[in-house]
C-alpha cells in the first residue's frame, strides 16, 4: 500500500521508495527512508507525517511513491 492511502493517525513502516535519486535524496533529508516508522498527521492537501518526533509535510505525488506496511 502507498503512504497516501493511509488515514489520519495510522502508523506504518516505509518498505520502499519508488522514485528517482533526486526524490529519494529529498525524502532522506527529511528523515523519510526505508525502515522508518511514520504516523499520518493529516492527509488533506499535503500529506503531513510524524517521523522521529518531527512533523514533515510532503506532496501527494511523493506520498504516492512511498510504499508502506501498516504497523
N, C-alpha and C. Protein backbone atom coordinates (compact mmCIF):
# COMPACT_ATOMS: atom_id res chain seq x y z
N UNK A 1 0.85 -1.16 0.00
CA UNK A 1 0.00 0.00 0.00
C UNK A 1 0.90 1.23 0.00
N UNK A 2 0.35 2.34 -0.48
CA UNK A 2 1.12 3.57 -0.57
C UNK A 2 0.79 4.49 0.61
N UNK A 3 1.74 5.35 0.98
CA UNK A 3 1.60 6.24 2.12
C UNK A 3 0.34 7.11 2.01
N UNK A 4 0.02 7.58 0.82
CA UNK A 4 -1.13 8.46 0.62
C UNK A 4 -2.45 7.75 0.90
N UNK A 5 -2.46 6.44 0.96
CA UNK A 5 -3.69 5.68 1.18
C UNK A 5 -4.01 5.51 2.66
N UNK A 6 -3.10 5.86 3.54
CA UNK A 6 -3.34 5.71 4.98
C UNK A 6 -4.24 6.83 5.48
N UNK A 7 -4.98 6.55 6.55
CA UNK A 7 -5.83 7.55 7.17
C UNK A 7 -5.10 8.26 8.29
N UNK A 8 -5.71 9.31 8.80
CA UNK A 8 -5.15 10.09 9.90
C UNK A 8 -4.92 9.20 11.12
N UNK A 9 -3.80 9.38 11.78
CA UNK A 9 -3.37 8.65 12.98
C UNK A 9 -3.00 7.19 12.74
N UNK A 10 -2.89 6.76 11.50
CA UNK A 10 -2.42 5.41 11.22
C UNK A 10 -0.90 5.42 11.15
N UNK A 11 -0.29 4.33 11.61
CA UNK A 11 1.17 4.20 11.57
C UNK A 11 1.57 3.13 10.58
N UNK A 12 2.74 3.30 9.98
CA UNK A 12 3.23 2.34 9.00
C UNK A 12 4.75 2.44 8.93
N UNK A 13 5.35 1.35 8.45
CA UNK A 13 6.80 1.30 8.22
C UNK A 13 7.05 1.47 6.73
N UNK A 14 8.00 2.33 6.38
CA UNK A 14 8.37 2.53 4.97
C UNK A 14 9.16 1.31 4.52
N UNK A 15 8.69 0.68 3.44
CA UNK A 15 9.40 -0.50 2.94
C UNK A 15 10.09 -0.24 1.60
N UNK A 16 9.64 0.78 0.86
CA UNK A 16 10.30 1.10 -0.41
C UNK A 16 9.92 2.51 -0.85
N UNK A 17 10.83 3.15 -1.55
CA UNK A 17 10.56 4.45 -2.16
C UNK A 17 10.74 4.27 -3.66
N UNK A 18 9.65 4.45 -4.40
CA UNK A 18 9.64 4.19 -5.83
C UNK A 18 9.82 5.49 -6.62
N UNK A 19 10.97 6.09 -6.47
CA UNK A 19 11.25 7.33 -7.17
C UNK A 19 12.70 7.38 -7.58
N UNK A 20 13.06 8.43 -8.25
CA UNK A 20 14.42 8.61 -8.69
C UNK A 20 15.35 9.04 -7.56
N UNK A 21 16.61 9.19 -7.88
CA UNK A 21 17.61 9.54 -6.88
C UNK A 21 17.33 10.90 -6.25
N UNK A 22 16.87 11.86 -7.04
CA UNK A 22 16.57 13.19 -6.51
C UNK A 22 15.46 13.16 -5.47
N UNK A 23 14.40 12.43 -5.76
CA UNK A 23 13.30 12.33 -4.80
C UNK A 23 13.74 11.59 -3.54
N UNK A 24 14.49 10.52 -3.72
CA UNK A 24 14.97 9.74 -2.57
C UNK A 24 15.84 10.62 -1.67
N UNK A 25 16.67 11.48 -2.28
CA UNK A 25 17.53 12.37 -1.51
C UNK A 25 16.71 13.39 -0.72
N UNK A 26 15.69 13.98 -1.36
CA UNK A 26 14.83 14.95 -0.67
C UNK A 26 14.14 14.31 0.53
N UNK A 27 13.64 13.10 0.35
CA UNK A 27 12.96 12.42 1.45
C UNK A 27 13.96 12.03 2.54
N UNK A 28 15.15 11.59 2.15
CA UNK A 28 16.18 11.23 3.12
C UNK A 28 16.54 12.42 4.01
N UNK A 29 16.66 13.60 3.41
CA UNK A 29 16.99 14.81 4.17
C UNK A 29 15.89 15.21 5.15
N UNK A 30 14.67 14.73 4.90
CA UNK A 30 13.55 14.99 5.81
C UNK A 30 13.34 13.85 6.80
N UNK A 31 14.20 12.84 6.75
CA UNK A 31 14.12 11.73 7.69
C UNK A 31 13.27 10.57 7.22
N UNK A 32 12.81 10.61 5.98
CA UNK A 32 11.97 9.55 5.44
C UNK A 32 12.82 8.61 4.60
N UNK A 33 13.00 7.39 5.11
CA UNK A 33 13.79 6.39 4.40
C UNK A 33 13.27 5.00 4.75
N UNK A 34 13.71 4.00 4.01
CA UNK A 34 13.28 2.63 4.27
C UNK A 34 13.56 2.24 5.71
N UNK A 35 12.59 1.57 6.33
CA UNK A 35 12.74 1.10 7.69
C UNK A 35 12.17 2.03 8.74
N UNK A 36 11.92 3.29 8.41
CA UNK A 36 11.39 4.24 9.39
C UNK A 36 9.89 4.02 9.59
N UNK A 37 9.45 4.22 10.83
CA UNK A 37 8.02 4.16 11.15
C UNK A 37 7.48 5.58 11.14
N UNK A 38 6.38 5.78 10.42
CA UNK A 38 5.77 7.10 10.32
C UNK A 38 4.32 7.02 10.77
N UNK A 39 3.78 8.16 11.22
CA UNK A 39 2.38 8.27 11.60
C UNK A 39 1.77 9.42 10.81
N UNK A 40 0.62 9.19 10.21
CA UNK A 40 -0.05 10.22 9.43
C UNK A 40 -0.69 11.24 10.37
N UNK A 41 -0.31 12.50 10.22
CA UNK A 41 -0.90 13.58 11.00
C UNK A 41 -2.10 14.14 10.24
N UNK A 42 -1.96 14.31 8.93
CA UNK A 42 -3.03 14.83 8.08
C UNK A 42 -2.79 14.35 6.66
N UNK A 43 -3.87 13.98 5.98
CA UNK A 43 -3.72 13.60 4.58
C UNK A 43 -4.66 14.40 3.69
N UNK A 44 -5.02 15.60 4.12
CA UNK A 44 -5.84 16.51 3.32
C UNK A 44 -4.91 17.58 2.76
N UNK A 45 -4.81 17.64 1.44
CA UNK A 45 -3.83 18.54 0.82
C UNK A 45 -2.48 17.87 0.90
N UNK A 46 -1.43 18.58 1.33
CA UNK A 46 -0.15 17.90 1.52
C UNK A 46 -0.28 16.85 2.63
N UNK A 47 0.46 15.78 2.49
CA UNK A 47 0.42 14.71 3.49
C UNK A 47 1.44 15.06 4.58
N UNK A 48 0.96 15.21 5.81
CA UNK A 48 1.84 15.52 6.94
C UNK A 48 2.05 14.24 7.73
N UNK A 49 3.33 13.89 7.94
CA UNK A 49 3.66 12.67 8.67
C UNK A 49 4.60 13.01 9.81
N UNK A 50 4.49 12.24 10.89
CA UNK A 50 5.40 12.37 12.01
C UNK A 50 6.44 11.27 11.89
N UNK A 51 7.70 11.66 11.91
CA UNK A 51 8.81 10.72 11.87
C UNK A 51 9.87 11.21 12.84
N UNK A 52 10.31 10.34 13.72
CA UNK A 52 11.31 10.70 14.74
C UNK A 52 10.91 11.96 15.51
N UNK A 53 9.68 12.05 15.94
CA UNK A 53 9.13 13.16 16.73
C UNK A 53 9.17 14.51 16.01
N UNK A 54 9.27 14.49 14.68
CA UNK A 54 9.19 15.71 13.87
C UNK A 54 8.06 15.53 12.86
N UNK A 55 7.39 16.61 12.52
CA UNK A 55 6.33 16.55 11.52
C UNK A 55 6.87 17.09 10.20
N UNK A 56 6.67 16.31 9.14
CA UNK A 56 7.16 16.65 7.80
C UNK A 56 5.96 16.63 6.85
N UNK A 57 5.84 17.65 6.01
CA UNK A 57 4.78 17.69 5.00
C UNK A 57 5.39 17.41 3.63
N UNK A 58 4.76 16.51 2.91
CA UNK A 58 5.20 16.19 1.55
C UNK A 58 3.98 16.24 0.63
N UNK A 59 4.24 16.42 -0.64
CA UNK A 59 3.16 16.49 -1.62
C UNK A 59 2.50 15.13 -1.84
N UNK A 60 1.28 15.19 -2.36
CA UNK A 60 0.51 13.98 -2.63
C UNK A 60 1.25 13.06 -3.60
N UNK A 61 1.88 13.63 -4.63
CA UNK A 61 2.60 12.83 -5.61
C UNK A 61 3.75 12.05 -5.00
N UNK A 62 4.49 12.69 -4.09
CA UNK A 62 5.58 11.99 -3.40
C UNK A 62 5.02 10.89 -2.51
N UNK A 63 3.92 11.18 -1.81
CA UNK A 63 3.32 10.20 -0.92
C UNK A 63 2.82 8.98 -1.69
N UNK A 64 2.47 9.17 -2.95
CA UNK A 64 2.01 8.06 -3.79
C UNK A 64 3.16 7.14 -4.21
N UNK A 65 4.40 7.57 -4.02
CA UNK A 65 5.56 6.77 -4.42
C UNK A 65 6.27 6.13 -3.24
N UNK A 66 5.69 6.25 -2.05
CA UNK A 66 6.29 5.66 -0.86
C UNK A 66 5.46 4.44 -0.45
N UNK A 67 6.03 3.26 -0.60
CA UNK A 67 5.34 2.01 -0.27
C UNK A 67 5.53 1.73 1.21
N UNK A 68 4.42 1.43 1.92
CA UNK A 68 4.46 1.21 3.35
C UNK A 68 3.72 -0.06 3.74
N UNK A 69 3.96 -0.50 4.97
CA UNK A 69 3.24 -1.64 5.55
C UNK A 69 2.73 -1.19 6.92
N UNK A 70 1.44 -1.35 7.15
CA UNK A 70 0.86 -0.93 8.44
C UNK A 70 1.54 -1.63 9.59
N UNK A 71 1.69 -0.90 10.70
CA UNK A 71 2.28 -1.47 11.92
C UNK A 71 1.19 -2.01 12.82
